[in-house]
Amino acid sequence: MNEREERLKALLVAGLAGDTAAYHSFLRDLSAHLRAFLRKRLARLPDEVEDLVQETLLAVHNQRHTYDSQQPVTAWLHAIAKYKLVDLLRRRARQDVFNEPLDDAPQELIAADDGAATEARRDLGKLLGQLPDGQRLPIIYMKLEGLSVAETARLTKMSESAVKVAVHRGLKALATLIRTSS
């Protein structure tokens, strides 16, 4: 385990145990780590790096309870950052601003599919499969595919407020499933 991995892991674990100073240090160190990680992947979109760092920090904070201390913290963090990066690229593609042919995309974005990310997708698929369609589909459309509430409502034939409630309840159910399966 390298020094950065050990430091980030120790700070996160201490933060999860209630040490606010350690958690603050974790977020500060993580910010620098994420900037370097994302700059490499967003060389053509340098103006997006800081926004993506902030989005990723927020996602890490919101999902900190899902971290398994038996696993490398950087693999967990990179998976979250990659999902945020994919969300950004999808948003830009929908806005017709980012119309780069796949042949010109950096190979690391196309080929980078480490075992942890594959395993996380498989596990998420299993967990989502345990939810009823009324919760599973809105989560897939909004949280995984990046569709808006209105688009999701149209696809699921639900009202927009019903979609929001379904996503909220579905995410709570997923959190419960994760806690009970660990």
Protein backbone atom coordinates (compact mmCIF):
# COMPACT_ATOMS: atom_id res chain seq x y z
CA MET A 1 0.00 0.00 0.00
CA ASN A 2 1.47 3.38 -0.92
CA GLU A 3 1.78 6.35 1.41
CA ARG A 4 -1.11 8.32 -0.15
CA GLU A 5 -3.42 5.31 0.10
CA GLU A 6 -2.50 4.76 3.74
CA ARG A 7 -2.95 8.42 4.66
CA LEU A 8 -6.30 8.83 2.90
CA LYS A 9 -7.58 5.58 4.36
CA ALA A 10 -6.46 6.45 7.91
CA LEU A 11 -8.03 9.92 7.70
CA LEU A 12 -11.31 8.60 6.28
CA VAL A 13 -11.60 5.82 8.85
CA ALA A 14 -10.87 8.29 11.66
CA GLY A 15 -13.39 10.72 10.18
CA LEU A 16 -16.03 8.01 9.99
CA ALA A 17 -15.35 7.30 13.66
CA GLY A 18 -16.20 10.92 14.50
CA ASP A 19 -12.84 12.73 14.26
CA THR A 20 -13.89 15.92 12.45
CA ALA A 21 -10.32 17.24 12.15
CA ALA A 22 -9.25 14.00 10.43
CA TYR A 23 -12.27 14.15 8.12
CA HIS A 24 -11.44 17.77 7.23
CA SER A 25 -7.85 16.71 6.45
CA PHE A 26 -9.19 13.80 4.39
CA LEU A 27 -11.32 16.15 2.25
CA ARG A 28 -8.43 18.60 1.80
CA ASP A 29 -6.01 15.84 0.76
CA LEU A 30 -8.66 14.21 -1.39
CA SER A 31 -9.27 17.51 -3.21
CA ALA A 32 -5.63 17.67 -4.30
CA HIS A 33 -5.65 13.99 -5.28
CA LEU A 34 -8.86 14.38 -7.31
CA ARG A 35 -7.58 17.49 -9.11
CA ALA A 36 -4.53 15.54 -10.33
CA PHE A 37 -6.63 12.48 -11.20
CA LEU A 38 -9.21 14.51 -13.16
CA ARG A 39 -6.75 16.87 -14.88
CA LYS A 40 -5.26 13.86 -16.66
CA ARG A 41 -8.68 12.78 -17.86
CA LEU A 42 -9.99 16.24 -18.74
CA ALA A 43 -6.96 17.65 -20.55
CA ARG A 44 -9.28 18.90 -23.30
CA LEU A 45 -11.77 20.38 -20.82
CA PRO A 46 -9.61 22.06 -18.15
CA ASP A 47 -12.41 24.45 -17.12
CA GLU A 48 -14.49 21.48 -15.95
CA VAL A 49 -11.93 20.08 -13.50
CA GLU A 50 -12.81 22.21 -10.46
CA ASP A 51 -16.57 21.67 -10.84
CA LEU A 52 -16.02 17.93 -11.16
CA VAL A 53 -13.75 17.90 -8.10
CA GLN A 54 -16.53 19.59 -6.10
CA GLU A 55 -19.21 17.20 -7.43
CA THR A 56 -17.01 14.23 -6.57
CA LEU A 57 -16.27 15.54 -3.06
CA LEU A 58 -20.00 15.93 -2.48
CA ALA A 59 -20.68 12.41 -3.74
CA VAL A 60 -17.89 11.00 -1.54
CA HIS A 61 -19.33 12.83 1.46
CA ASN A 62 -22.86 11.59 0.73
CA GLN A 63 -21.69 8.02 0.15
CA ARG A 64 -19.02 7.81 2.86
CA HIS A 65 -21.14 5.27 4.76
CA THR A 66 -20.69 2.81 1.86
CA TYR A 67 -16.91 2.64 2.17
CA ASP A 68 -15.64 -0.81 3.13
CA SER A 69 -12.45 -0.33 5.18
CA GLN A 70 -11.22 -3.74 3.98
CA GLN A 71 -10.89 -2.32 0.46
CA PRO A 72 -8.42 0.25 -0.92
CA VAL A 73 -9.85 3.74 -0.46
CA THR A 74 -8.42 5.02 -3.75
CA ALA A 75 -10.25 2.34 -5.77
CA TRP A 76 -13.52 3.41 -4.13
CA LEU A 77 -12.73 7.11 -4.68
CA HIS A 78 -11.68 6.59 -8.31
CA ALA A 79 -14.88 4.67 -9.04
CA ILE A 80 -16.94 7.60 -7.73
CA ALA A 81 -14.82 10.10 -9.69
CA LYS A 82 -15.17 8.04 -12.89
CA TYR A 83 -18.96 7.93 -12.50
CA LYS A 84 -18.98 11.72 -12.07
CA LEU A 85 -16.75 12.05 -15.13
CA VAL A 86 -19.11 9.89 -17.18
CA ASP A 87 -22.05 12.01 -15.96
CA LEU A 88 -20.23 15.15 -17.12
CA LEU A 89 -19.48 13.67 -20.53
CA ARG A 90 -23.11 12.56 -20.93
CA ARG A 91 -24.38 16.03 -20.03
CA ARG A 92 -22.01 17.63 -22.51
CA ALA A 93 -22.98 15.13 -25.21
CA ARG A 94 -26.68 15.88 -24.66
CA GLN A 95 -25.94 19.57 -25.05
CA ASP A 96 -24.22 18.85 -28.39
CA VAL A 97 -21.12 20.60 -27.09
CA PHE A 98 -18.97 17.51 -26.85
CA ASN A 99 -19.28 15.79 -30.22
CA GLU A 100 -15.94 14.07 -30.36
CA PRO A 101 -15.81 10.78 -32.29
CA LEU A 102 -15.06 7.78 -30.09
CA ASP A 103 -11.92 7.13 -32.14
CA ASP A 104 -10.45 10.41 -30.84
CA ALA A 105 -11.30 9.80 -27.16
CA PRO A 106 -8.38 9.10 -24.85
CA GLN A 107 -7.87 5.35 -24.68
CA GLU A 108 -7.71 5.39 -20.88
CA LEU A 109 -11.32 6.59 -20.77
CA ILE A 110 -12.48 3.83 -23.06
CA ALA A 111 -10.29 0.99 -21.81
CA ALA A 112 -10.03 1.89 -18.12
CA ASP A 113 -12.30 -0.67 -16.54
CA ASP A 114 -10.57 -1.97 -13.46
CA GLY A 115 -11.88 -4.96 -11.58
CA ALA A 116 -13.26 -2.85 -8.71
CA ALA A 117 -15.51 -0.84 -11.03
CA THR A 118 -16.73 -3.99 -12.78
CA GLU A 119 -17.43 -5.63 -9.44
CA ALA A 120 -19.23 -2.50 -8.19
CA ARG A 121 -21.48 -2.46 -11.29
CA ARG A 122 -22.29 -6.15 -10.83
CA ASP A 123 -23.09 -5.66 -7.14
CA LEU A 124 -25.21 -2.60 -7.90
CA GLY A 125 -27.11 -4.58 -10.53
CA LYS A 126 -27.86 -7.32 -8.00
CA LEU A 127 -29.04 -4.80 -5.42
CA LEU A 128 -31.18 -2.91 -7.93
CA GLY A 129 -32.73 -6.22 -9.00
CA GLN A 130 -34.17 -6.57 -5.50
CA LEU A 131 -36.15 -3.34 -5.79
CA PRO A 132 -39.61 -3.12 -7.32
CA ASP A 133 -39.81 -1.62 -10.83
CA GLY A 134 -41.42 1.54 -9.45
CA GLN A 135 -38.22 2.32 -7.53
CA ARG A 136 -35.60 0.56 -9.65
CA LEU A 137 -36.44 2.20 -12.98
CA PRO A 138 -36.43 5.81 -11.73
CA ILE A 139 -33.07 5.20 -10.03
CA ILE A 140 -31.61 3.71 -13.20
CA TYR A 141 -32.94 6.50 -15.42
CA MET A 142 -32.03 9.41 -13.14
CA LYS A 143 -28.98 8.28 -11.18
CA LEU A 144 -27.26 5.96 -13.64
CA GLU A 145 -28.32 7.26 -17.04
CA GLY A 146 -28.49 10.92 -16.01
CA LEU A 147 -32.00 11.64 -17.25
CA SER A 148 -34.02 14.49 -15.78
CA VAL A 149 -37.05 14.06 -13.53
CA ALA A 150 -39.32 15.06 -16.44
CA GLU A 151 -37.72 12.54 -18.83
CA THR A 152 -37.93 9.81 -16.20
CA ALA A 153 -41.59 10.64 -15.47
CA ARG A 154 -42.39 10.36 -19.17
CA LEU A 155 -40.60 7.01 -19.54
CA THR A 156 -42.11 5.47 -16.41
CA LYS A 157 -45.56 7.04 -16.88
CA MET A 158 -45.33 8.44 -13.34
CA SER A 159 -45.83 12.01 -12.15
CA GLU A 160 -42.68 14.02 -11.49
CA SER A 161 -43.35 14.09 -7.76
CA ALA A 162 -43.93 10.31 -7.77
CA VAL A 163 -40.57 9.87 -9.51
CA LYS A 164 -38.81 11.95 -6.85
CA VAL A 165 -40.48 9.96 -4.06
CA ALA A 166 -39.64 6.65 -5.78
CA VAL A 167 -35.97 7.62 -6.14
CA HIS A 168 -35.79 8.73 -2.51
CA ARG A 169 -37.44 5.56 -1.22
CA GLY A 170 -35.43 3.37 -3.58
CA LEU A 171 -32.14 4.88 -2.44
CA LYS A 172 -33.15 4.37 1.19
CA ALA A 173 -34.01 0.75 0.39
CA LEU A 174 -30.65 0.29 -1.37
CA ALA A 175 -28.84 1.72 1.66
CA THR A 176 -30.66 -0.76 3.87
CA LEU A 177 -29.80 -3.64 1.52
CA ILE A 178 -26.15 -2.60 1.54
CA ARG A 179 -26.04 -2.41 5.33
CA THR A 180 -27.69 -5.80 5.75
CA SER A 181 -25.52 -7.50 3.14
CA SER A 182 -22.20 -6.44 4.68
